[in-house]
């Protein structure tokens, strides 16, 4: 029977093996951790890149939309300008006969004994001044304008006074007067207004 005795420092050898094994596992862990970090980093980089591409696409589409919005706004301005010019032309067409109606009505409603010197029109308001043979003639003119005219309304006496310069060949005393009245819409204006009110609105709805 042989008995073998190991004289080598087996404890130190075992510690050395354990140390090498620990270093190997540590290195393996570091390599695995680095590989995992690289994989995760690559995945995130891919996601970030994809998201960046989507962001760039959205930004490009937004720029296109901004350009289209500016073009639409420019077109709307041109359309509004055309409509304004059209309305101006329609207004001129509708009111072109207004002086004719005014003079015709004054011819009908001014009674005998009234002499008109001046007629001023500002939009729908008309001021007339002249001389009258009496206060009653001026009152008659006001009544005619109030009740008998289809195109004149709301007469208002501004002043009436004895004329300063009396003609030598006139025996009766004359009176200077001034009054205002307003024009009613002409048939052409009323027709245009009705057409505009009945036309469908093309303005975009506001959100």
N, C-alpha and C. Protein backbone atom coordinates (compact mmCIF):
# COMPACT_ATOMS: atom_id res chain seq x y z
N UNK A 1 0.82 -1.19 0.00
CA UNK A 1 0.00 0.00 0.00
C UNK A 1 0.86 1.25 0.00
N UNK A 2 0.61 2.08 -0.97
CA UNK A 2 1.43 3.30 -1.07
C UNK A 2 0.62 4.51 -0.59
N UNK A 3 1.25 5.31 0.11
CA UNK A 3 0.64 6.56 0.60
C UNK A 3 1.36 7.71 -0.09
N UNK A 4 0.51 8.50 -0.83
CA UNK A 4 1.08 9.64 -1.54
C UNK A 4 0.87 10.93 -0.73
N UNK A 5 1.91 11.61 -0.59
CA UNK A 5 1.87 12.86 0.16
C UNK A 5 2.20 14.00 -0.82
N UNK A 6 1.26 14.91 -0.96
CA UNK A 6 1.45 16.07 -1.85
C UNK A 6 2.17 17.14 -1.07
N UNK A 7 3.36 17.40 -1.48
CA UNK A 7 4.16 18.40 -0.78
C UNK A 7 4.01 19.81 -1.39
N UNK A 8 3.25 19.89 -2.51
CA UNK A 8 3.05 21.21 -3.14
C UNK A 8 2.07 22.07 -2.32
N UNK A 9 2.15 23.38 -2.40
CA UNK A 9 1.25 24.27 -1.64
C UNK A 9 -0.13 24.29 -2.30
N UNK A 10 -0.92 23.27 -2.03
CA UNK A 10 -2.20 23.11 -2.75
C UNK A 10 -3.18 24.22 -2.40
N UNK A 11 -3.11 24.78 -1.19
CA UNK A 11 -4.04 25.87 -0.86
C UNK A 11 -3.77 27.12 -1.71
N UNK A 12 -2.52 27.41 -1.89
CA UNK A 12 -2.18 28.56 -2.71
C UNK A 12 -2.59 28.32 -4.17
N UNK A 13 -2.40 27.09 -4.63
CA UNK A 13 -2.79 26.78 -6.01
C UNK A 13 -4.30 26.92 -6.17
N UNK A 14 -5.06 26.45 -5.15
CA UNK A 14 -6.52 26.57 -5.25
C UNK A 14 -6.93 28.04 -5.22
N UNK A 15 -6.30 28.83 -4.36
CA UNK A 15 -6.63 30.26 -4.35
C UNK A 15 -6.30 30.93 -5.68
N UNK A 16 -5.21 30.47 -6.29
CA UNK A 16 -4.83 31.04 -7.58
C UNK A 16 -5.86 30.69 -8.64
N UNK A 17 -6.34 29.41 -8.59
CA UNK A 17 -7.37 29.01 -9.55
C UNK A 17 -8.66 29.82 -9.31
N UNK A 18 -9.02 29.98 -8.05
CA UNK A 18 -10.22 30.77 -7.74
C UNK A 18 -10.06 32.23 -8.18
N UNK A 19 -8.88 32.76 -8.03
CA UNK A 19 -8.65 34.14 -8.44
C UNK A 19 -8.76 34.28 -9.96
N UNK A 20 -8.15 33.31 -10.67
CA UNK A 20 -8.25 33.37 -12.14
C UNK A 20 -9.70 33.22 -12.58
N UNK A 21 -10.41 32.28 -11.91
CA UNK A 21 -11.82 32.09 -12.25
C UNK A 21 -12.62 33.37 -11.97
N UNK A 22 -12.32 34.07 -10.86
CA UNK A 22 -13.02 35.32 -10.54
C UNK A 22 -12.72 36.39 -11.57
N UNK A 23 -11.47 36.52 -11.95
CA UNK A 23 -11.09 37.49 -12.97
C UNK A 23 -11.78 37.20 -14.31
N UNK A 24 -11.84 35.91 -14.62
CA UNK A 24 -12.46 35.50 -15.89
C UNK A 24 -13.95 35.84 -15.88
N UNK A 25 -14.61 35.48 -14.74
CA UNK A 25 -16.06 35.79 -14.67
C UNK A 25 -16.31 37.28 -14.66
N UNK A 26 -15.43 38.03 -13.97
CA UNK A 26 -15.58 39.49 -13.96
C UNK A 26 -15.43 40.06 -15.36
N UNK A 27 -14.38 39.59 -16.07
CA UNK A 27 -14.18 40.05 -17.44
C UNK A 27 -15.36 39.66 -18.33
N UNK A 28 -15.83 38.40 -18.10
CA UNK A 28 -16.98 37.96 -18.89
C UNK A 28 -18.21 38.82 -18.60
N UNK A 29 -18.39 39.17 -17.32
CA UNK A 29 -19.52 40.03 -16.95
C UNK A 29 -19.39 41.42 -17.58
N UNK A 30 -18.16 41.96 -17.55
CA UNK A 30 -17.95 43.26 -18.16
C UNK A 30 -18.23 43.23 -19.66
N UNK A 31 -17.75 42.15 -20.32
CA UNK A 31 -18.00 42.02 -21.76
C UNK A 31 -19.50 41.89 -22.04
N UNK A 32 -20.19 41.05 -21.22
CA UNK A 32 -21.62 40.87 -21.41
C UNK A 32 -22.37 42.17 -21.14
N UNK A 33 -21.95 42.88 -20.06
CA UNK A 33 -22.59 44.17 -19.76
C UNK A 33 -22.38 45.18 -20.87
N UNK A 34 -21.12 45.23 -21.39
CA UNK A 34 -20.84 46.16 -22.49
C UNK A 34 -21.65 45.80 -23.72
N UNK A 35 -21.74 44.49 -23.99
CA UNK A 35 -22.53 44.05 -25.14
C UNK A 35 -24.00 44.43 -24.96
N UNK A 36 -24.52 44.24 -23.73
CA UNK A 36 -25.92 44.60 -23.46
C UNK A 36 -26.14 46.10 -23.62
N UNK A 37 -25.19 46.88 -23.06
CA UNK A 37 -25.28 48.33 -23.18
C UNK A 37 -25.24 48.74 -24.66
N UNK A 38 -24.37 48.11 -25.44
CA UNK A 38 -24.28 48.43 -26.87
C UNK A 38 -25.58 48.10 -27.59
N UNK A 39 -26.15 46.92 -27.25
CA UNK A 39 -27.40 46.53 -27.89
C UNK A 39 -28.51 47.52 -27.53
N UNK A 40 -28.62 47.87 -26.22
CA UNK A 40 -29.64 48.82 -25.80
C UNK A 40 -29.41 50.18 -26.45
N UNK A 41 -28.15 50.61 -26.49
CA UNK A 41 -27.82 51.90 -27.12
C UNK A 41 -28.18 51.88 -28.61
N UNK A 42 -27.89 50.75 -29.27
CA UNK A 42 -28.23 50.64 -30.70
C UNK A 42 -29.73 50.70 -30.91
N UNK A 43 -30.48 50.03 -30.02
CA UNK A 43 -31.95 50.05 -30.15
C UNK A 43 -32.47 51.47 -29.96
N UNK A 44 -31.97 52.14 -28.92
CA UNK A 44 -32.43 53.51 -28.67
C UNK A 44 -32.03 54.46 -29.80
N UNK A 45 -30.81 54.26 -30.32
CA UNK A 45 -30.38 55.09 -31.44
C UNK A 45 -31.28 54.87 -32.65
N UNK A 46 -31.65 53.61 -32.86
CA UNK A 46 -32.57 53.33 -33.96
C UNK A 46 -33.92 54.00 -33.76
N UNK A 47 -34.44 53.91 -32.51
CA UNK A 47 -35.71 54.57 -32.21
C UNK A 47 -35.61 56.09 -32.36
N UNK A 48 -34.50 56.65 -31.85
CA UNK A 48 -34.30 58.09 -31.97
C UNK A 48 -34.20 58.51 -33.43
N UNK A 49 -33.45 57.71 -34.21
CA UNK A 49 -33.33 58.02 -35.64
C UNK A 49 -34.68 57.96 -36.36
N UNK A 50 -35.47 56.94 -36.03
CA UNK A 50 -36.79 56.82 -36.65
C UNK A 50 -37.68 57.99 -36.25
N UNK A 51 -37.62 58.36 -34.95
CA UNK A 51 -38.42 59.48 -34.50
C UNK A 51 -37.96 60.78 -35.13
N UNK A 52 -36.64 60.92 -35.32
CA UNK A 52 -36.11 62.11 -35.96
C UNK A 52 -36.58 62.21 -37.41
N UNK A 53 -36.61 61.04 -38.08
CA UNK A 53 -37.12 61.04 -39.45
C UNK A 53 -38.59 61.45 -39.49
N UNK A 54 -39.36 60.94 -38.53
CA UNK A 54 -40.77 61.35 -38.47
C UNK A 54 -40.90 62.84 -38.18
N UNK A 55 -40.06 63.33 -37.27
CA UNK A 55 -40.09 64.76 -36.96
C UNK A 55 -39.74 65.60 -38.19
N UNK A 56 -38.69 65.14 -38.92
CA UNK A 56 -38.31 65.87 -40.13
C UNK A 56 -39.42 65.84 -41.16
N UNK A 57 -40.10 64.69 -41.28
CA UNK A 57 -41.22 64.58 -42.22
C UNK A 57 -42.36 65.53 -41.83
N UNK A 58 -42.66 65.53 -40.51
CA UNK A 58 -43.73 66.41 -40.03
C UNK A 58 -43.35 67.87 -40.25
N UNK A 59 -42.08 68.22 -39.98
CA UNK A 59 -41.64 69.60 -40.18
C UNK A 59 -41.74 69.99 -41.66
N UNK A 60 -41.35 69.07 -42.55
CA UNK A 60 -41.46 69.37 -43.98
C UNK A 60 -42.91 69.55 -44.40
N UNK A 61 -43.79 68.69 -43.89
CA UNK A 61 -45.21 68.83 -44.21
C UNK A 61 -45.78 70.12 -43.64
N UNK A 62 -45.31 70.50 -42.44
CA UNK A 62 -45.77 71.76 -41.86
C UNK A 62 -45.34 72.96 -42.71
N UNK A 63 -44.10 72.88 -43.24
CA UNK A 63 -43.65 73.96 -44.11
C UNK A 63 -44.51 74.03 -45.37
N UNK A 64 -44.87 72.85 -45.91
CA UNK A 64 -45.75 72.85 -47.08
C UNK A 64 -47.11 73.45 -46.74
N UNK A 65 -47.64 73.06 -45.56
CA UNK A 65 -48.93 73.59 -45.15
C UNK A 65 -48.87 75.10 -44.93
N UNK A 66 -47.76 75.57 -44.33
CA UNK A 66 -47.60 77.02 -44.13
C UNK A 66 -47.61 77.75 -45.47
N UNK A 67 -46.91 77.17 -46.46
CA UNK A 67 -46.89 77.79 -47.79
C UNK A 67 -48.28 77.80 -48.40
N UNK A 68 -49.00 76.68 -48.26
CA UNK A 68 -50.35 76.62 -48.80
C UNK A 68 -51.28 77.60 -48.09
N UNK A 69 -51.11 77.73 -46.75
CA UNK A 69 -51.93 78.67 -45.99
C UNK A 69 -51.67 80.09 -46.45
N UNK A 70 -50.38 80.43 -46.68
CA UNK A 70 -50.07 81.78 -47.17
C UNK A 70 -50.67 82.01 -48.55
N UNK A 71 -50.62 80.97 -49.41
CA UNK A 71 -51.21 81.10 -50.73
C UNK A 71 -52.72 81.28 -50.63
N UNK A 72 -53.35 80.50 -49.72
CA UNK A 72 -54.81 80.63 -49.54
C UNK A 72 -55.14 82.02 -49.00
N UNK A 73 -54.34 82.50 -48.03
CA UNK A 73 -54.60 83.84 -47.49
C UNK A 73 -54.46 84.90 -48.57
N UNK A 74 -53.45 84.73 -49.45
CA UNK A 74 -53.28 85.68 -50.55
C UNK A 74 -54.46 85.62 -51.51
N UNK A 75 -54.93 84.40 -51.79
CA UNK A 75 -56.09 84.25 -52.67
C UNK A 75 -57.33 84.88 -52.04
N UNK A 76 -57.48 84.69 -50.71
CA UNK A 76 -58.63 85.28 -50.04
C UNK A 76 -58.58 86.80 -50.10
N UNK A 77 -57.37 87.36 -49.94
CA UNK A 77 -57.25 88.81 -50.04
C UNK A 77 -57.62 89.29 -51.44
N UNK A 78 -57.16 88.54 -52.46
CA UNK A 78 -57.52 88.92 -53.83
C UNK A 78 -59.02 88.80 -54.05
N UNK A 79 -59.62 87.73 -53.52
CA UNK A 79 -61.06 87.55 -53.66
C UNK A 79 -61.81 88.67 -52.94
N UNK A 80 -61.35 89.01 -51.72
CA UNK A 80 -62.00 90.10 -50.98
C UNK A 80 -61.88 91.42 -51.74
N UNK A 81 -60.70 91.65 -52.34
CA UNK A 81 -60.52 92.89 -53.11
C UNK A 81 -61.45 92.91 -54.32
N UNK A 82 -61.56 91.76 -55.00
CA UNK A 82 -62.47 91.67 -56.15
C UNK A 82 -63.92 91.89 -55.73
N UNK A 83 -64.28 91.30 -54.58
CA UNK A 83 -65.65 91.49 -54.09
C UNK A 83 -65.90 92.95 -53.72
N UNK A 84 -64.89 93.59 -53.11
CA UNK A 84 -65.05 95.00 -52.75
C UNK A 84 -65.24 95.85 -54.01
N UNK A 85 -64.44 95.55 -55.04
CA UNK A 85 -64.61 96.31 -56.30
C UNK A 85 -65.97 96.02 -56.92
N UNK A 86 -66.38 94.74 -56.83
CA UNK A 86 -67.70 94.40 -57.38
C UNK A 86 -68.81 95.14 -56.63
N UNK A 87 -68.70 95.19 -55.28
CA UNK A 87 -69.70 95.90 -54.50
C UNK A 87 -69.70 97.39 -54.84
N UNK A 88 -68.49 97.94 -55.04
CA UNK A 88 -68.42 99.36 -55.39
C UNK A 88 -69.11 99.62 -56.72
N UNK A 89 -68.85 98.73 -57.70
CA UNK A 89 -69.51 98.90 -59.00
C UNK A 89 -71.02 98.74 -58.86
N UNK A 90 -71.45 97.75 -58.07
CA UNK A 90 -72.89 97.55 -57.87
C UNK A 90 -73.52 98.75 -57.17
N UNK A 91 -72.78 99.33 -56.19
CA UNK A 91 -73.31 100.51 -55.51
C UNK A 91 -73.47 101.67 -56.47
N UNK A 92 -72.46 101.86 -57.34
CA UNK A 92 -72.57 102.93 -58.32
C UNK A 92 -73.73 102.69 -59.27
N UNK A 93 -73.89 101.41 -59.67
CA UNK A 93 -75.00 101.08 -60.56
C UNK A 93 -76.34 101.34 -59.87
N UNK A 94 -76.41 100.96 -58.58
CA UNK A 94 -77.68 101.10 -57.86
C UNK A 94 -78.03 102.55 -57.58
N UNK A 95 -76.99 103.40 -57.38
CA UNK A 95 -77.25 104.79 -57.00
C UNK A 95 -77.10 105.78 -58.15
N UNK A 96 -76.86 105.28 -59.35
CA UNK A 96 -76.61 106.21 -60.45
C UNK A 96 -77.84 107.06 -60.79
N UNK A 97 -79.04 106.53 -60.49
CA UNK A 97 -80.27 107.27 -60.79
C UNK A 97 -80.77 108.09 -59.60
N UNK A 98 -80.01 108.09 -58.52
CA UNK A 98 -80.46 108.79 -57.32
C UNK A 98 -80.66 110.29 -57.56
N UNK A 99 -79.74 111.00 -58.23
CA UNK A 99 -79.99 112.43 -58.49
C UNK A 99 -81.26 112.67 -59.32
N UNK A 100 -81.57 111.74 -60.23
CA UNK A 100 -82.77 111.88 -61.03
C UNK A 100 -84.01 111.81 -60.14
N UNK A 101 -84.03 110.79 -59.23
CA UNK A 101 -85.15 110.66 -58.31
C UNK A 101 -85.26 111.89 -57.41
N UNK A 102 -84.12 112.39 -56.94
CA UNK A 102 -84.11 113.54 -56.05
C UNK A 102 -84.72 114.77 -56.72
N UNK A 103 -84.22 115.11 -57.90
CA UNK A 103 -84.72 116.30 -58.59
C UNK A 103 -86.18 116.13 -59.01
N UNK A 104 -86.54 114.93 -59.42
CA UNK A 104 -87.93 114.69 -59.82
C UNK A 104 -88.87 114.86 -58.63
N UNK A 105 -88.45 114.32 -57.46
CA UNK A 105 -89.30 114.46 -56.27
C UNK A 105 -89.39 115.90 -55.80
N UNK A 106 -88.27 116.63 -55.86
CA UNK A 106 -88.32 118.03 -55.46
C UNK A 106 -89.26 118.82 -56.38
N UNK A 107 -89.22 118.50 -57.67
CA UNK A 107 -90.11 119.17 -58.61
C UNK A 107 -91.58 118.91 -58.25
N UNK A 108 -91.86 117.69 -57.81
CA UNK A 108 -93.24 117.34 -57.46
C UNK A 108 -93.67 117.93 -56.12
N UNK A 109 -92.76 117.95 -55.14
CA UNK A 109 -93.16 118.25 -53.76
C UNK A 109 -92.99 119.72 -53.38
N UNK A 110 -92.17 120.47 -54.10
CA UNK A 110 -91.98 121.88 -53.74
C UNK A 110 -93.22 122.66 -54.19
N UNK A 111 -93.91 123.29 -53.27
CA UNK A 111 -95.14 124.02 -53.63
C UNK A 111 -94.83 125.36 -54.30
N UNK A 112 -95.83 125.94 -54.85
CA UNK A 112 -95.68 127.26 -55.46
C UNK A 112 -95.36 128.27 -54.36
N UNK A 113 -94.48 129.17 -54.66
CA UNK A 113 -94.06 130.16 -53.67
C UNK A 113 -92.78 129.80 -52.96
N UNK A 114 -92.15 128.66 -53.35
CA UNK A 114 -90.86 128.23 -52.80
C UNK A 114 -89.82 128.33 -53.91
N UNK A 115 -88.69 128.94 -53.61
CA UNK A 115 -87.60 129.07 -54.58
C UNK A 115 -86.34 128.47 -53.97
N UNK A 116 -85.86 127.42 -54.55
CA UNK A 116 -84.66 126.74 -54.03
C UNK A 116 -83.42 127.39 -54.60
N UNK A 117 -82.49 127.68 -53.71
CA UNK A 117 -81.22 128.28 -54.12
C UNK A 117 -80.08 127.26 -54.17
N UNK A 118 -80.10 126.35 -53.22
CA UNK A 118 -78.95 125.44 -53.09
C UNK A 118 -79.42 124.07 -52.65
N UNK A 119 -78.81 123.04 -53.22
CA UNK A 119 -79.08 121.65 -52.83
C UNK A 119 -77.73 120.98 -52.57
N UNK A 120 -77.56 120.47 -51.36
CA UNK A 120 -76.33 119.76 -50.99
C UNK A 120 -76.68 118.34 -50.54
N UNK A 121 -75.94 117.38 -51.04
CA UNK A 121 -76.17 115.98 -50.64
C UNK A 121 -74.91 115.40 -50.03
N UNK A 122 -75.05 114.80 -48.85
CA UNK A 122 -73.97 114.07 -48.18
C UNK A 122 -74.49 112.69 -47.85
N UNK A 123 -74.07 111.72 -48.64
CA UNK A 123 -74.56 110.36 -48.51
C UNK A 123 -76.08 110.35 -48.69
N UNK A 124 -76.83 109.98 -47.65
CA UNK A 124 -78.29 109.94 -47.77
C UNK A 124 -78.97 111.21 -47.25
N UNK A 125 -78.22 112.14 -46.73
CA UNK A 125 -78.80 113.37 -46.19
C UNK A 125 -78.68 114.49 -47.21
N UNK A 126 -79.76 115.23 -47.37
CA UNK A 126 -79.80 116.33 -48.33
C UNK A 126 -80.19 117.60 -47.59
N UNK A 127 -79.47 118.67 -47.88
CA UNK A 127 -79.79 119.99 -47.33
C UNK A 127 -80.20 120.90 -48.47
N UNK A 128 -81.35 121.55 -48.31
CA UNK A 128 -81.81 122.52 -49.30
C UNK A 128 -82.03 123.85 -48.60
N UNK A 129 -81.76 124.90 -49.32
CA UNK A 129 -82.00 126.24 -48.81
C UNK A 129 -82.58 127.09 -49.92
N UNK A 130 -83.36 128.08 -49.54
CA UNK A 130 -83.98 128.94 -50.53
C UNK A 130 -84.82 130.00 -49.88
N UNK A 131 -85.76 130.51 -50.64
CA UNK A 131 -86.64 131.55 -50.15
C UNK A 131 -88.09 131.10 -50.32
N UNK A 132 -88.92 131.56 -49.39
CA UNK A 132 -90.34 131.22 -49.42
C UNK A 132 -91.17 132.48 -49.30
N UNK A 133 -92.34 132.44 -49.93
CA UNK A 133 -93.22 133.60 -49.88
C UNK A 133 -93.85 133.77 -48.50
N UNK A 134 -93.91 132.64 -47.72
CA UNK A 134 -94.49 132.72 -46.38
C UNK A 134 -94.06 131.51 -45.58
N UNK A 135 -94.30 131.57 -44.26
CA UNK A 135 -94.02 130.42 -43.41
C UNK A 135 -94.90 129.22 -43.79
N UNK A 136 -96.14 129.52 -44.23
CA UNK A 136 -97.05 128.44 -44.60
C UNK A 136 -96.52 127.63 -45.77
N UNK A 137 -95.83 128.29 -46.69
CA UNK A 137 -95.26 127.57 -47.83
C UNK A 137 -94.18 126.58 -47.37
N UNK A 138 -93.37 127.01 -46.40
CA UNK A 138 -92.34 126.12 -45.86
C UNK A 138 -92.98 124.95 -45.14
N UNK A 139 -94.04 125.22 -44.37
CA UNK A 139 -94.75 124.14 -43.67
C UNK A 139 -95.36 123.17 -44.67
N UNK A 140 -95.89 123.69 -45.76
CA UNK A 140 -96.45 122.81 -46.79
C UNK A 140 -95.37 121.93 -47.41
N UNK A 141 -94.21 122.52 -47.65
CA UNK A 141 -93.10 121.73 -48.19
C UNK A 141 -92.71 120.60 -47.23
N UNK A 142 -92.65 120.90 -45.94
CA UNK A 142 -92.31 119.87 -44.95
C UNK A 142 -93.36 118.76 -44.94
N UNK A 143 -94.64 119.14 -45.02
CA UNK A 143 -95.70 118.12 -45.04
C UNK A 143 -95.61 117.26 -46.30
N UNK A 144 -95.33 117.88 -47.43
CA UNK A 144 -95.20 117.11 -48.68
C UNK A 144 -94.05 116.11 -48.59
N UNK A 145 -92.93 116.56 -48.07
CA UNK A 145 -91.77 115.67 -47.95
C UNK A 145 -92.04 114.53 -46.98
N UNK A 146 -92.81 114.80 -45.95
CA UNK A 146 -93.09 113.80 -44.93
C UNK A 146 -94.12 112.77 -45.41
N UNK A 147 -95.15 113.22 -46.11
CA UNK A 147 -96.30 112.34 -46.37
C UNK A 147 -96.47 111.94 -47.82
N UNK A 148 -96.00 112.75 -48.75
CA UNK A 148 -96.35 112.52 -50.15
C UNK A 148 -95.23 111.93 -51.00
N UNK A 149 -94.02 111.89 -50.49
CA UNK A 149 -92.89 111.47 -51.32
C UNK A 149 -92.55 110.00 -51.09
N UNK A 150 -92.28 109.31 -52.18
CA UNK A 150 -91.86 107.90 -52.09
C UNK A 150 -90.35 107.76 -51.87
N UNK A 151 -89.59 108.79 -52.16
CA UNK A 151 -88.13 108.68 -52.12
C UNK A 151 -87.47 109.64 -51.13
N UNK A 152 -88.26 110.54 -50.52
CA UNK A 152 -87.72 111.49 -49.55
C UNK A 152 -88.44 111.30 -48.23
N UNK A 153 -87.69 111.45 -47.12
CA UNK A 153 -88.28 111.21 -45.81
C UNK A 153 -87.56 112.03 -44.75
N UNK A 154 -88.17 112.05 -43.56
CA UNK A 154 -87.62 112.69 -42.36
C UNK A 154 -87.17 114.13 -42.60
N UNK A 155 -88.06 114.99 -43.05
CA UNK A 155 -87.69 116.40 -43.20
C UNK A 155 -87.51 117.07 -41.85
N UNK A 156 -86.58 117.98 -41.80
CA UNK A 156 -86.27 118.68 -40.54
C UNK A 156 -85.92 120.13 -40.87
N UNK A 157 -86.69 121.05 -40.33
CA UNK A 157 -86.44 122.47 -40.56
C UNK A 157 -85.24 122.92 -39.73
N UNK A 158 -84.27 123.54 -40.40
CA UNK A 158 -83.08 124.02 -39.71
C UNK A 158 -83.30 125.46 -39.23
N UNK A 159 -83.72 126.33 -40.13
CA UNK A 159 -83.99 127.72 -39.75
C UNK A 159 -84.92 128.35 -40.77
N UNK A 160 -85.61 129.36 -40.33
CA UNK A 160 -86.41 130.21 -41.20
C UNK A 160 -86.38 131.62 -40.61
N UNK A 161 -86.11 132.59 -41.47
CA UNK A 161 -85.99 133.97 -41.00
C UNK A 161 -86.35 134.90 -42.15
N UNK A 162 -86.62 136.12 -41.81
CA UNK A 162 -86.95 137.11 -42.82
C UNK A 162 -85.73 137.37 -43.68
N UNK A 163 -85.93 137.36 -44.96
CA UNK A 163 -84.80 137.56 -45.88
C UNK A 163 -84.22 138.95 -45.69
N UNK A 164 -82.88 139.00 -45.70
CA UNK A 164 -82.22 140.28 -45.51
C UNK A 164 -82.31 141.18 -46.73
N UNK A 165 -82.20 140.59 -47.91
CA UNK A 165 -82.26 141.36 -49.15
C UNK A 165 -83.60 141.09 -49.84
N UNK A 166 -84.50 142.00 -49.72
CA UNK A 166 -85.81 141.86 -50.34
C UNK A 166 -85.76 142.47 -51.75
N UNK A 167 -86.19 141.68 -52.77
CA UNK A 167 -86.22 142.24 -54.13
C UNK A 167 -87.14 143.44 -54.19
N UNK A 168 -86.73 144.40 -54.96
CA UNK A 168 -87.50 145.64 -55.05
C UNK A 168 -88.84 145.44 -55.75
N UNK A 169 -88.90 144.46 -56.67
CA UNK A 169 -90.13 144.26 -57.44
C UNK A 169 -91.11 143.33 -56.75
N UNK A 170 -90.81 142.89 -55.51
CA UNK A 170 -91.69 141.99 -54.77
C UNK A 170 -92.29 142.77 -53.62
N UNK A 171 -93.61 142.80 -53.59
CA UNK A 171 -94.28 143.57 -52.56
C UNK A 171 -94.38 142.82 -51.24
N UNK A 172 -94.44 141.48 -51.31
CA UNK A 172 -94.58 140.70 -50.09
C UNK A 172 -93.21 140.43 -49.47
N UNK A 173 -93.23 140.16 -48.20
CA UNK A 173 -91.99 139.86 -47.48
C UNK A 173 -91.60 138.42 -47.75
N UNK A 174 -90.32 138.18 -48.06
CA UNK A 174 -89.80 136.83 -48.31
C UNK A 174 -89.06 136.31 -47.08
N UNK A 175 -88.98 134.97 -47.00
CA UNK A 175 -88.30 134.31 -45.87
C UNK A 175 -87.21 133.39 -46.40
N UNK A 176 -86.04 133.51 -45.79
CA UNK A 176 -84.96 132.54 -46.07
C UNK A 176 -85.18 131.31 -45.19
N UNK A 177 -84.97 130.13 -45.75
CA UNK A 177 -85.14 128.91 -44.96
C UNK A 177 -84.06 127.90 -45.36
N UNK A 178 -83.86 126.97 -44.46
CA UNK A 178 -82.94 125.85 -44.70
C UNK A 178 -83.51 124.62 -44.00
N UNK A 179 -83.49 123.50 -44.69
CA UNK A 179 -84.01 122.26 -44.09
C UNK A 179 -83.23 121.06 -44.61
N UNK A 180 -83.31 120.00 -43.83
CA UNK A 180 -82.68 118.72 -44.20
C UNK A 180 -83.76 117.66 -44.41
N UNK A 181 -83.46 116.70 -45.22
CA UNK A 181 -84.27 115.49 -45.33
C UNK A 181 -83.36 114.36 -45.80
N UNK A 182 -83.88 113.15 -45.78
CA UNK A 182 -83.08 111.97 -46.13
C UNK A 182 -83.67 111.27 -47.34
N UNK A 183 -82.79 110.59 -48.05
CA UNK A 183 -83.20 109.84 -49.24
C UNK A 183 -83.54 108.41 -48.85
N UNK A 184 -84.64 107.94 -49.35
CA UNK A 184 -84.97 106.53 -49.21
C UNK A 184 -84.22 105.74 -50.28
N UNK A 185 -84.06 104.43 -50.08
CA UNK A 185 -83.38 103.63 -51.10
C UNK A 185 -84.14 103.67 -52.43
N UNK A 186 -83.39 103.82 -53.49
CA UNK A 186 -84.00 103.77 -54.82
C UNK A 186 -84.45 102.34 -55.11
N UNK A 187 -85.33 102.14 -56.09
CA UNK A 187 -85.72 100.76 -56.43
C UNK A 187 -84.53 99.89 -56.80
N UNK A 188 -83.54 100.48 -57.47
CA UNK A 188 -82.35 99.70 -57.83
C UNK A 188 -81.57 99.31 -56.58
N UNK A 189 -81.45 100.24 -55.62
CA UNK A 189 -80.74 99.93 -54.37
C UNK A 189 -81.49 98.87 -53.57
N UNK A 190 -82.81 98.98 -53.49
CA UNK A 190 -83.60 97.99 -52.76
C UNK A 190 -83.46 96.61 -53.40
N UNK A 191 -83.45 96.57 -54.72
CA UNK A 191 -83.30 95.29 -55.42
C UNK A 191 -81.94 94.69 -55.16
N UNK A 192 -80.89 95.53 -55.18
CA UNK A 192 -79.54 95.05 -54.91
C UNK A 192 -79.42 94.54 -53.48
N UNK A 193 -79.97 95.27 -52.52
CA UNK A 193 -79.91 94.85 -51.11
C UNK A 193 -80.61 93.52 -50.91
N UNK A 194 -81.76 93.36 -51.53
CA UNK A 194 -82.49 92.10 -51.41
C UNK A 194 -81.70 90.95 -52.02
N UNK A 195 -81.06 91.21 -53.15
CA UNK A 195 -80.26 90.16 -53.79
C UNK A 195 -79.06 89.79 -52.93
N UNK A 196 -78.42 90.78 -52.30
CA UNK A 196 -77.27 90.49 -51.44
C UNK A 196 -77.68 89.72 -50.20
N UNK A 197 -78.85 90.04 -49.65
CA UNK A 197 -79.32 89.34 -48.44
C UNK A 197 -79.74 87.91 -48.75
N UNK A 198 -80.27 87.68 -49.93
CA UNK A 198 -80.73 86.34 -50.28
C UNK A 198 -79.62 85.48 -50.84
N UNK A 199 -78.49 86.08 -51.22
CA UNK A 199 -77.38 85.29 -51.76
C UNK A 199 -76.75 84.48 -50.64
N UNK A 200 -76.38 83.19 -50.91
CA UNK A 200 -75.73 82.38 -49.87
C UNK A 200 -74.36 82.90 -49.54
N UNK A 201 -74.06 82.88 -48.26
CA UNK A 201 -72.75 83.36 -47.79
C UNK A 201 -71.68 82.36 -48.15
N UNK A 202 -70.56 82.88 -48.73
CA UNK A 202 -69.43 82.02 -49.11
C UNK A 202 -68.27 82.15 -48.15
N UNK A 203 -68.45 82.92 -47.07
CA UNK A 203 -67.38 83.07 -46.08
C UNK A 203 -67.19 81.80 -45.31
N UNK A 204 -65.90 81.37 -45.04
CA UNK A 204 -65.65 80.14 -44.29
C UNK A 204 -66.07 80.28 -42.85
N UNK A 205 -66.61 79.21 -42.31
CA UNK A 205 -67.05 79.23 -40.91
C UNK A 205 -65.84 79.28 -40.00
N UNK A 206 -65.94 80.10 -38.98
CA UNK A 206 -64.86 80.20 -38.01
C UNK A 206 -64.98 79.11 -36.98
N UNK A 207 -63.86 78.53 -36.67
CA UNK A 207 -63.84 77.49 -35.63
C UNK A 207 -63.55 78.10 -34.30
